[in-house]
């Protein structure tokens, strides 16, 4: 239960304090530490395609944020 409740509560508290588009960027970066923890703790790994997919999502959100500010 805590593995779902704690992150959900953290997300709700964060969303109240930061703009929605910044929160969206934070959410798109979530797979990066998850993949690193999976690698370090569980011994798993992602292939080049998976890392490219994560990079594409993070880049798309960053470009979107930059375009809104311009």
Protein backbone atom coordinates (compact mmCIF):
# COMPACT_ATOMS: atom_id res chain seq x y z
CA UNK A 1 0.00 0.00 0.00
CA UNK A 2 2.80 2.44 0.85
CA UNK A 3 4.45 1.91 -2.52
CA UNK A 4 1.39 3.56 -4.11
CA UNK A 5 0.20 5.94 -1.40
CA UNK A 6 3.48 7.70 -0.68
CA UNK A 7 4.31 8.64 -4.30
CA UNK A 8 0.70 9.68 -4.89
CA UNK A 9 0.75 11.96 -1.85
CA UNK A 10 4.13 13.39 -2.89
CA UNK A 11 2.74 14.12 -6.36
CA UNK A 12 -0.32 15.87 -4.95
CA UNK A 13 1.74 18.03 -2.61
CA UNK A 14 4.18 18.92 -5.37
CA UNK A 15 1.41 19.80 -7.83
CA UNK A 16 0.11 22.38 -5.37
CA UNK A 17 3.49 24.13 -5.25
CA UNK A 18 4.77 24.13 -8.83
CA UNK A 19 3.18 25.10 -12.17
CA UNK A 20 1.41 22.31 -14.04
CA UNK A 21 3.83 22.31 -16.99
CA UNK A 22 6.84 22.00 -14.66
CA UNK A 23 5.10 19.17 -12.85
CA UNK A 24 4.57 17.49 -16.23
CA UNK A 25 8.28 17.67 -16.93
CA UNK A 26 9.04 16.17 -13.51
CA UNK A 27 6.62 13.34 -14.24
CA UNK A 28 8.22 12.63 -17.62
CA UNK A 29 11.63 12.29 -15.94
CA UNK A 30 10.35 9.66 -13.48
CA UNK A 31 11.39 6.69 -15.66
CA UNK A 32 15.06 7.77 -15.51
CA UNK A 33 15.62 7.20 -11.77
CA UNK A 34 13.35 4.15 -11.94
CA UNK A 35 15.57 2.65 -14.64
CA UNK A 36 18.73 3.51 -12.70
CA UNK A 37 17.38 1.95 -9.50
CA UNK A 38 16.30 -1.10 -11.47
CA UNK A 39 19.83 -1.39 -12.81
CA UNK A 40 21.62 -0.83 -9.51
CA UNK A 41 19.28 -2.63 -7.10
CA UNK A 42 17.71 -5.34 -9.24
CA UNK A 43 20.53 -5.91 -11.71
CA UNK A 44 18.23 -5.31 -14.67
CA UNK A 45 18.90 -3.04 -17.55
CA UNK A 46 17.34 -1.24 -20.45
CA UNK A 47 18.37 -1.52 -24.03
CA UNK A 48 19.16 1.31 -26.41
CA UNK A 49 15.55 1.47 -27.66
CA UNK A 50 14.15 1.84 -24.15
CA UNK A 51 16.61 4.62 -23.27
CA UNK A 52 15.82 6.30 -26.59
CA UNK A 53 12.11 6.16 -25.74
CA UNK A 54 12.68 7.75 -22.33
CA UNK A 55 14.87 10.43 -23.92
CA UNK A 56 12.21 11.14 -26.56
CA UNK A 57 9.49 11.68 -23.95
CA UNK A 58 11.66 13.92 -21.76
CA UNK A 59 12.86 15.91 -24.79
CA UNK A 60 9.34 16.36 -26.11
CA UNK A 61 8.15 17.73 -22.77
CA UNK A 62 11.17 20.04 -22.45
CA UNK A 63 10.63 21.39 -25.99
CA UNK A 64 6.95 21.88 -25.24
CA UNK A 65 7.78 23.88 -22.11
CA UNK A 66 10.31 26.01 -23.99
CA UNK A 67 7.83 26.70 -26.79
CA UNK A 68 5.18 27.86 -24.32
CA UNK A 69 7.60 30.32 -22.74
CA UNK A 70 8.66 31.80 -26.07
